[in-house]
Amino acid sequence: MSLFGSRGEGSDDDGALEAEIQRLERLTLAALAVEVMTKAFGPGAECEDPQEEVTVGGPNIGAGATVEGITPDMAPGGTTKGADERTRLRLQRLVAEGVQVLDHAGLIRPQMHTAMNELDYTPTRFGRKVLATGKVEGVVATSVPRSD
C-alpha cells in the first residue's frame, strides 16, 4: 500500500457515496426531511441544541447548522472528503431540499449570522418535540406536495 492509500480505497468510498445519493434521490421529500432532521438535529447530533444555546444572529459564534455543515452527516462515514465537487453539490442540494421542507413545516428556523455569510438553522421548540416523539414524517408530509 502506498503512503496515502490506494486508488481502490477511494473508489469504494466514491461508490458508497454515490449509492447513498441515489438512495436519497429516490426518497419522498417527507422521508428526505426526516433523514435530514434526524442526522442534523437528532440525539447526539452536533447541532442537536437541547439547551437552546444557538444564538439568533450576529457573529458566527453560537451559530446553528448550515447546509454545507449537514452534508457530511448524510454521507457514509460522515464525510464527503475525496468526493468531486459535482458529487458533493448533488448531496448538498438534497440536504437543502430537506432543510426547506423542515423550515416550511415549522420544525427548524433559519437565521443569519453575519460573519458566516450564509443561513444557518436550529430546531424550533416544536421541532424538538416532534423529533423526540418520532413524528417528523407525519408533520412534514402535510407540508409537501403529494406527487414528489
N, C-alpha and C. Protein backbone atom coordinates (compact mmCIF):
# COMPACT_ATOMS: atom_id res chain seq x y z
N MET A 1 0.84 -1.18 0.00
CA MET A 1 0.00 0.00 0.00
C MET A 1 0.88 1.23 0.00
N SER A 2 0.47 2.25 -0.72
CA SER A 2 1.24 3.49 -0.76
C SER A 2 1.02 4.29 0.53
N LEU A 3 1.84 5.27 0.72
CA LEU A 3 1.78 6.11 1.91
C LEU A 3 0.41 6.75 2.10
N PHE A 4 -0.25 7.13 1.03
CA PHE A 4 -1.53 7.85 1.11
C PHE A 4 -2.73 6.98 0.74
N GLY A 5 -2.59 5.68 0.78
CA GLY A 5 -3.70 4.79 0.45
C GLY A 5 -3.67 4.41 -1.00
N SER A 6 -4.60 3.53 -1.39
CA SER A 6 -4.62 3.07 -2.77
C SER A 6 -5.82 3.64 -3.49
N ARG A 7 -5.79 3.59 -4.79
CA ARG A 7 -6.92 4.07 -5.58
C ARG A 7 -8.17 3.26 -5.30
N GLY A 8 -8.01 2.00 -5.04
CA GLY A 8 -9.14 1.13 -4.75
C GLY A 8 -9.94 1.60 -3.55
N GLU A 9 -9.25 2.09 -2.52
CA GLU A 9 -9.95 2.57 -1.32
C GLU A 9 -10.85 3.74 -1.66
N GLY A 10 -10.35 4.70 -2.42
CA GLY A 10 -11.13 5.88 -2.79
C GLY A 10 -12.34 5.51 -3.62
N SER A 11 -12.18 4.57 -4.54
CA SER A 11 -13.29 4.20 -5.39
C SER A 11 -14.39 3.51 -4.59
N ASP A 12 -14.02 2.76 -3.53
CA ASP A 12 -15.04 2.16 -2.65
C ASP A 12 -15.83 3.25 -1.95
N ASP A 13 -15.11 4.28 -1.45
CA ASP A 13 -15.78 5.40 -0.79
C ASP A 13 -16.67 6.15 -1.77
N ASP A 14 -16.16 6.37 -2.99
CA ASP A 14 -16.94 7.05 -4.02
C ASP A 14 -18.20 6.26 -4.36
N GLY A 15 -18.08 4.95 -4.46
CA GLY A 15 -19.22 4.10 -4.77
C GLY A 15 -20.26 4.13 -3.66
N ALA A 16 -19.81 4.15 -2.41
CA ALA A 16 -20.74 4.20 -1.27
C ALA A 16 -21.46 5.54 -1.25
N LEU A 17 -20.74 6.61 -1.53
CA LEU A 17 -21.37 7.94 -1.54
C LEU A 17 -22.37 8.04 -2.69
N GLU A 18 -22.00 7.54 -3.85
CA GLU A 18 -22.92 7.57 -4.99
C GLU A 18 -24.17 6.75 -4.69
N ALA A 19 -24.01 5.60 -4.08
CA ALA A 19 -25.16 4.76 -3.73
C ALA A 19 -26.07 5.48 -2.73
N GLU A 20 -25.47 6.17 -1.77
CA GLU A 20 -26.27 6.90 -0.78
C GLU A 20 -27.01 8.06 -1.43
N ILE A 21 -26.36 8.77 -2.33
CA ILE A 21 -27.03 9.87 -3.03
C ILE A 21 -28.21 9.34 -3.84
N GLN A 22 -28.00 8.24 -4.54
CA GLN A 22 -29.09 7.66 -5.32
C GLN A 22 -30.24 7.21 -4.42
N ARG A 23 -29.92 6.66 -3.25
CA ARG A 23 -30.97 6.26 -2.30
C ARG A 23 -31.76 7.48 -1.83
N LEU A 24 -31.05 8.55 -1.48
CA LEU A 24 -31.72 9.77 -1.03
C LEU A 24 -32.57 10.39 -2.14
N GLU A 25 -32.09 10.32 -3.37
CA GLU A 25 -32.84 10.87 -4.50
C GLU A 25 -34.17 10.13 -4.72
N ARG A 26 -34.23 8.87 -4.33
CA ARG A 26 -35.46 8.09 -4.51
C ARG A 26 -36.48 8.33 -3.39
N LEU A 27 -36.06 8.94 -2.30
CA LEU A 27 -36.97 9.18 -1.18
C LEU A 27 -37.99 10.26 -1.52
N THR A 28 -39.15 10.18 -0.88
CA THR A 28 -40.09 11.30 -0.98
C THR A 28 -39.47 12.49 -0.26
N LEU A 29 -39.99 13.68 -0.51
CA LEU A 29 -39.48 14.85 0.21
C LEU A 29 -39.66 14.71 1.71
N ALA A 30 -40.78 14.13 2.12
CA ALA A 30 -41.04 13.95 3.56
C ALA A 30 -40.01 13.01 4.17
N ALA A 31 -39.72 11.91 3.51
CA ALA A 31 -38.73 10.94 4.03
C ALA A 31 -37.33 11.55 4.04
N LEU A 32 -37.00 12.33 3.02
CA LEU A 32 -35.71 13.01 2.97
C LEU A 32 -35.60 13.98 4.15
N ALA A 33 -36.66 14.73 4.41
CA ALA A 33 -36.66 15.68 5.52
C ALA A 33 -36.46 14.97 6.85
N VAL A 34 -37.05 13.80 7.02
CA VAL A 34 -36.88 13.03 8.26
C VAL A 34 -35.41 12.68 8.44
N GLU A 35 -34.75 12.24 7.38
CA GLU A 35 -33.33 11.88 7.48
C GLU A 35 -32.48 13.09 7.83
N VAL A 36 -32.77 14.22 7.19
CA VAL A 36 -32.01 15.44 7.49
C VAL A 36 -32.23 15.85 8.94
N MET A 37 -33.47 15.85 9.39
CA MET A 37 -33.79 16.26 10.77
C MET A 37 -33.09 15.35 11.78
N THR A 38 -33.15 14.06 11.53
CA THR A 38 -32.57 13.10 12.47
C THR A 38 -31.05 13.19 12.51
N LYS A 39 -30.43 13.25 11.34
CA LYS A 39 -28.97 13.26 11.29
C LYS A 39 -28.37 14.61 11.68
N ALA A 40 -29.08 15.69 11.42
CA ALA A 40 -28.55 17.03 11.73
C ALA A 40 -28.90 17.50 13.13
N PHE A 41 -30.11 17.16 13.60
CA PHE A 41 -30.59 17.73 14.85
C PHE A 41 -31.03 16.70 15.89
N GLY A 42 -30.95 15.42 15.54
CA GLY A 42 -31.40 14.36 16.43
C GLY A 42 -30.46 14.14 17.60
N PRO A 43 -30.82 13.23 18.49
CA PRO A 43 -30.00 12.94 19.66
C PRO A 43 -28.57 12.59 19.28
N GLY A 44 -27.64 13.29 19.89
CA GLY A 44 -26.22 13.04 19.63
C GLY A 44 -25.65 13.80 18.45
N ALA A 45 -26.50 14.44 17.66
CA ALA A 45 -26.01 15.20 16.50
C ALA A 45 -25.30 16.46 16.98
N GLU A 46 -24.35 16.91 16.21
CA GLU A 46 -23.58 18.10 16.58
C GLU A 46 -24.47 19.32 16.81
N CYS A 47 -25.55 19.44 16.06
CA CYS A 47 -26.43 20.62 16.15
C CYS A 47 -27.76 20.31 16.83
N GLU A 48 -27.76 19.32 17.70
CA GLU A 48 -29.00 18.94 18.40
C GLU A 48 -29.58 20.12 19.17
N ASP A 49 -28.80 20.87 19.88
CA ASP A 49 -29.19 22.08 20.61
C ASP A 49 -30.29 21.85 21.64
N PRO A 50 -30.15 20.86 22.52
CA PRO A 50 -31.20 20.60 23.52
C PRO A 50 -31.35 21.71 24.54
N GLN A 51 -30.31 22.49 24.77
CA GLN A 51 -30.37 23.57 25.75
C GLN A 51 -30.66 24.92 25.11
N GLU A 52 -31.00 24.91 23.83
CA GLU A 52 -31.30 26.14 23.09
C GLU A 52 -30.17 27.17 23.21
N GLU A 53 -28.96 26.72 22.93
CA GLU A 53 -27.79 27.58 23.02
C GLU A 53 -27.46 28.28 21.71
N VAL A 54 -28.09 27.88 20.62
CA VAL A 54 -27.82 28.52 19.34
C VAL A 54 -28.34 29.96 19.40
N THR A 55 -27.50 30.88 19.00
CA THR A 55 -27.88 32.29 19.04
C THR A 55 -28.75 32.64 17.84
N VAL A 56 -29.37 33.79 17.88
CA VAL A 56 -30.30 34.19 16.83
C VAL A 56 -29.60 34.86 15.66
N GLY A 57 -28.54 35.53 15.87
CA GLY A 57 -27.84 36.21 14.78
C GLY A 57 -26.56 36.83 15.29
N GLY A 58 -25.96 37.67 14.47
CA GLY A 58 -24.72 38.33 14.86
C GLY A 58 -23.50 37.56 14.41
N PRO A 59 -22.44 37.59 15.22
CA PRO A 59 -21.23 36.85 14.84
C PRO A 59 -21.52 35.36 14.74
N ASN A 60 -20.62 34.62 14.12
CA ASN A 60 -20.90 33.20 13.90
C ASN A 60 -20.71 32.33 15.14
N ILE A 61 -20.26 32.87 16.23
CA ILE A 61 -20.16 32.10 17.47
C ILE A 61 -21.57 31.76 17.92
N GLY A 62 -21.83 30.50 18.17
CA GLY A 62 -23.16 30.08 18.60
C GLY A 62 -24.13 29.87 17.46
N ALA A 63 -23.62 29.78 16.23
CA ALA A 63 -24.48 29.58 15.07
C ALA A 63 -24.96 28.13 15.01
N GLY A 64 -26.03 27.92 14.26
CA GLY A 64 -26.58 26.59 14.08
C GLY A 64 -25.96 25.89 12.88
N ALA A 65 -26.64 24.87 12.43
CA ALA A 65 -26.17 24.04 11.32
C ALA A 65 -26.37 24.76 9.99
N THR A 66 -25.46 24.56 9.06
CA THR A 66 -25.61 25.05 7.71
C THR A 66 -25.82 23.86 6.77
N VAL A 67 -26.32 24.12 5.59
CA VAL A 67 -26.49 23.04 4.61
C VAL A 67 -25.14 22.38 4.36
N GLU A 68 -24.13 23.19 4.18
CA GLU A 68 -22.79 22.66 3.94
C GLU A 68 -22.30 21.82 5.12
N GLY A 69 -22.63 22.25 6.33
CA GLY A 69 -22.22 21.53 7.52
C GLY A 69 -22.98 20.23 7.75
N ILE A 70 -24.24 20.20 7.32
CA ILE A 70 -25.07 18.99 7.47
C ILE A 70 -24.67 17.93 6.45
N THR A 71 -24.21 18.34 5.30
CA THR A 71 -23.92 17.43 4.19
C THR A 71 -23.05 16.24 4.58
N PRO A 72 -21.93 16.42 5.26
CA PRO A 72 -21.13 15.25 5.63
C PRO A 72 -21.89 14.26 6.53
N ASP A 73 -22.81 14.77 7.36
CA ASP A 73 -23.60 13.89 8.22
C ASP A 73 -24.46 12.93 7.41
N MET A 74 -24.79 13.30 6.19
CA MET A 74 -25.64 12.48 5.33
C MET A 74 -24.83 11.47 4.53
N ALA A 75 -23.52 11.62 4.53
CA ALA A 75 -22.64 10.75 3.74
C ALA A 75 -22.20 9.53 4.54
N PRO A 76 -21.97 8.41 3.86
CA PRO A 76 -21.42 7.23 4.55
C PRO A 76 -20.10 7.59 5.23
N GLY A 77 -19.95 7.21 6.47
CA GLY A 77 -18.73 7.51 7.20
C GLY A 77 -18.65 8.93 7.70
N GLY A 78 -19.68 9.73 7.44
CA GLY A 78 -19.71 11.09 7.95
C GLY A 78 -18.77 12.07 7.27
N THR A 79 -18.40 11.78 6.02
CA THR A 79 -17.51 12.69 5.31
C THR A 79 -17.75 12.63 3.81
N THR A 80 -17.53 13.76 3.16
CA THR A 80 -17.54 13.81 1.69
C THR A 80 -16.12 14.07 1.19
N LYS A 81 -15.15 13.98 2.08
CA LYS A 81 -13.76 14.20 1.71
C LYS A 81 -13.38 13.24 0.60
N GLY A 82 -12.76 13.76 -0.41
CA GLY A 82 -12.35 12.95 -1.55
C GLY A 82 -13.36 12.92 -2.68
N ALA A 83 -14.59 13.36 -2.40
CA ALA A 83 -15.61 13.39 -3.45
C ALA A 83 -15.36 14.58 -4.37
N ASP A 84 -15.70 14.42 -5.64
CA ASP A 84 -15.55 15.54 -6.55
C ASP A 84 -16.63 16.58 -6.26
N GLU A 85 -16.44 17.78 -6.76
CA GLU A 85 -17.34 18.89 -6.47
C GLU A 85 -18.77 18.62 -6.94
N ARG A 86 -18.91 18.01 -8.09
CA ARG A 86 -20.25 17.72 -8.63
C ARG A 86 -21.02 16.78 -7.70
N THR A 87 -20.35 15.75 -7.20
CA THR A 87 -20.98 14.79 -6.29
C THR A 87 -21.36 15.47 -4.98
N ARG A 88 -20.45 16.28 -4.45
CA ARG A 88 -20.71 16.99 -3.20
C ARG A 88 -21.91 17.93 -3.36
N LEU A 89 -21.99 18.61 -4.50
CA LEU A 89 -23.11 19.52 -4.75
C LEU A 89 -24.43 18.78 -4.89
N ARG A 90 -24.41 17.60 -5.48
CA ARG A 90 -25.65 16.79 -5.57
C ARG A 90 -26.17 16.48 -4.17
N LEU A 91 -25.28 16.11 -3.27
CA LEU A 91 -25.69 15.80 -1.91
C LEU A 91 -26.14 17.08 -1.18
N GLN A 92 -25.42 18.17 -1.37
CA GLN A 92 -25.81 19.44 -0.74
C GLN A 92 -27.20 19.89 -1.19
N ARG A 93 -27.51 19.70 -2.46
CA ARG A 93 -28.84 20.08 -2.96
C ARG A 93 -29.94 19.25 -2.31
N LEU A 94 -29.67 17.97 -2.10
CA LEU A 94 -30.64 17.12 -1.41
C LEU A 94 -30.83 17.59 0.03
N VAL A 95 -29.74 17.91 0.70
CA VAL A 95 -29.83 18.43 2.07
C VAL A 95 -30.63 19.72 2.08
N ALA A 96 -30.37 20.60 1.12
CA ALA A 96 -31.10 21.87 1.05
C ALA A 96 -32.59 21.65 0.86
N GLU A 97 -32.97 20.66 0.05
CA GLU A 97 -34.40 20.35 -0.13
C GLU A 97 -35.01 19.88 1.19
N GLY A 98 -34.30 19.01 1.90
CA GLY A 98 -34.80 18.53 3.19
C GLY A 98 -34.93 19.67 4.19
N VAL A 99 -33.96 20.56 4.21
CA VAL A 99 -33.99 21.71 5.11
C VAL A 99 -35.18 22.61 4.78
N GLN A 100 -35.44 22.83 3.51
CA GLN A 100 -36.57 23.67 3.11
C GLN A 100 -37.90 23.08 3.60
N VAL A 101 -38.06 21.78 3.46
CA VAL A 101 -39.28 21.11 3.92
C VAL A 101 -39.41 21.27 5.44
N LEU A 102 -38.32 21.08 6.17
CA LEU A 102 -38.35 21.21 7.62
C LEU A 102 -38.70 22.64 8.04
N ASP A 103 -38.16 23.60 7.32
CA ASP A 103 -38.46 25.01 7.60
C ASP A 103 -39.94 25.30 7.36
N HIS A 104 -40.46 24.86 6.23
CA HIS A 104 -41.87 25.11 5.90
C HIS A 104 -42.82 24.44 6.89
N ALA A 105 -42.38 23.34 7.49
CA ALA A 105 -43.20 22.63 8.47
C ALA A 105 -43.06 23.23 9.88
N GLY A 106 -42.19 24.22 10.03
CA GLY A 106 -42.01 24.86 11.33
C GLY A 106 -41.14 24.07 12.29
N LEU A 107 -40.36 23.12 11.78
CA LEU A 107 -39.54 22.28 12.64
C LEU A 107 -38.15 22.86 12.90
N ILE A 108 -37.69 23.70 11.99
CA ILE A 108 -36.42 24.40 12.18
C ILE A 108 -36.64 25.86 11.81
N ARG A 109 -35.72 26.70 12.26
CA ARG A 109 -35.81 28.11 11.90
C ARG A 109 -34.50 28.57 11.29
N PRO A 110 -34.60 29.32 10.19
CA PRO A 110 -33.38 29.87 9.59
C PRO A 110 -32.99 31.16 10.30
N GLN A 111 -31.73 31.46 10.25
CA GLN A 111 -31.23 32.71 10.83
C GLN A 111 -29.95 33.07 10.10
N MET A 112 -29.54 34.30 10.26
CA MET A 112 -28.33 34.76 9.57
C MET A 112 -27.33 35.24 10.60
N HIS A 113 -26.20 34.59 10.63
CA HIS A 113 -25.08 35.06 11.42
C HIS A 113 -24.16 35.79 10.45
N THR A 114 -24.04 37.09 10.62
CA THR A 114 -23.41 37.94 9.62
C THR A 114 -21.98 37.53 9.26
N ALA A 115 -21.23 37.04 10.20
CA ALA A 115 -19.85 36.67 9.90
C ALA A 115 -19.77 35.41 9.03
N MET A 116 -20.87 34.66 8.95
CA MET A 116 -20.87 33.42 8.17
C MET A 116 -21.21 33.65 6.71
N ASN A 117 -21.99 34.67 6.44
CA ASN A 117 -22.42 34.96 5.08
C ASN A 117 -23.30 33.87 4.49
N GLU A 118 -24.00 33.12 5.31
CA GLU A 118 -24.94 32.11 4.85
C GLU A 118 -25.95 31.85 5.95
N LEU A 119 -27.05 31.25 5.59
CA LEU A 119 -28.05 30.91 6.58
C LEU A 119 -27.59 29.71 7.42
N ASP A 120 -28.02 29.73 8.67
CA ASP A 120 -27.84 28.54 9.50
C ASP A 120 -29.20 28.22 10.12
N TYR A 121 -29.32 27.04 10.68
CA TYR A 121 -30.62 26.54 11.13
C TYR A 121 -30.51 25.89 12.50
N THR A 122 -31.60 25.96 13.23
CA THR A 122 -31.68 25.29 14.52
C THR A 122 -33.12 24.80 14.70
N PRO A 123 -33.31 23.73 15.45
CA PRO A 123 -34.68 23.25 15.65
C PRO A 123 -35.51 24.23 16.48
N THR A 124 -36.77 24.32 16.17
CA THR A 124 -37.69 25.11 16.98
C THR A 124 -38.13 24.27 18.17
N ARG A 125 -38.84 24.86 19.10
CA ARG A 125 -39.39 24.09 20.23
C ARG A 125 -40.29 22.98 19.69
N PHE A 126 -41.10 23.34 18.71
CA PHE A 126 -41.99 22.35 18.08
C PHE A 126 -41.17 21.25 17.41
N GLY A 127 -40.10 21.64 16.73
CA GLY A 127 -39.24 20.67 16.05
C GLY A 127 -38.61 19.69 17.02
N ARG A 128 -38.13 20.18 18.16
CA ARG A 128 -37.55 19.28 19.16
C ARG A 128 -38.60 18.32 19.70
N LYS A 129 -39.81 18.83 19.92
CA LYS A 129 -40.90 17.98 20.44
C LYS A 129 -41.27 16.89 19.44
N VAL A 130 -41.43 17.29 18.19
CA VAL A 130 -41.80 16.33 17.13
C VAL A 130 -40.70 15.30 16.93
N LEU A 131 -39.46 15.73 16.96
CA LEU A 131 -38.33 14.81 16.81
C LEU A 131 -38.31 13.81 17.96
N ALA A 132 -38.53 14.29 19.18
CA ALA A 132 -38.50 13.42 20.36
C ALA A 132 -39.61 12.37 20.33
N THR A 133 -40.73 12.71 19.71
CA THR A 133 -41.85 11.76 19.66
C THR A 133 -41.84 10.91 18.39
N GLY A 134 -40.86 11.15 17.51
CA GLY A 134 -40.74 10.35 16.29
C GLY A 134 -41.81 10.63 15.25
N LYS A 135 -42.35 11.84 15.24
CA LYS A 135 -43.45 12.16 14.32
C LYS A 135 -43.07 13.16 13.22
N VAL A 136 -41.79 13.24 12.92
CA VAL A 136 -41.34 14.20 11.91
C VAL A 136 -42.01 13.94 10.57
N GLU A 137 -42.02 12.71 10.12
CA GLU A 137 -42.58 12.42 8.78
C GLU A 137 -44.05 12.79 8.71
N GLY A 138 -44.81 12.51 9.75
CA GLY A 138 -46.22 12.85 9.75
C GLY A 138 -46.46 14.35 9.66
N VAL A 139 -45.61 15.12 10.33
CA VAL A 139 -45.75 16.58 10.30
C VAL A 139 -45.34 17.13 8.94
N VAL A 140 -44.20 16.70 8.42
CA VAL A 140 -43.72 17.26 7.15
C VAL A 140 -44.55 16.78 5.97
N ALA A 141 -45.17 15.63 6.09
CA ALA A 141 -45.98 15.10 4.98
C ALA A 141 -47.14 16.02 4.63
N THR A 142 -47.60 16.79 5.59
CA THR A 142 -48.71 17.72 5.33
C THR A 142 -48.23 19.02 4.67
N SER A 143 -46.90 19.23 4.62
CA SER A 143 -46.39 20.49 4.07
C SER A 143 -45.70 20.31 2.71
N VAL A 144 -45.74 19.11 2.14
CA VAL A 144 -45.12 18.89 0.83
C VAL A 144 -46.15 18.38 -0.17
N PRO A 145 -45.92 18.62 -1.44
CA PRO A 145 -46.83 18.09 -2.45
C PRO A 145 -46.87 16.57 -2.40
N ARG A 146 -48.00 16.01 -2.69
CA ARG A 146 -48.17 14.56 -2.65
C ARG A 146 -47.42 13.85 -3.78
N SER A 147 -47.26 14.50 -4.90
CA SER A 147 -46.60 13.84 -6.04
C SER A 147 -45.15 14.28 -6.16
N ASP A 148 -44.40 14.10 -5.09
CA ASP A 148 -42.98 14.47 -5.14
C ASP A 148 -42.18 13.30 -5.62
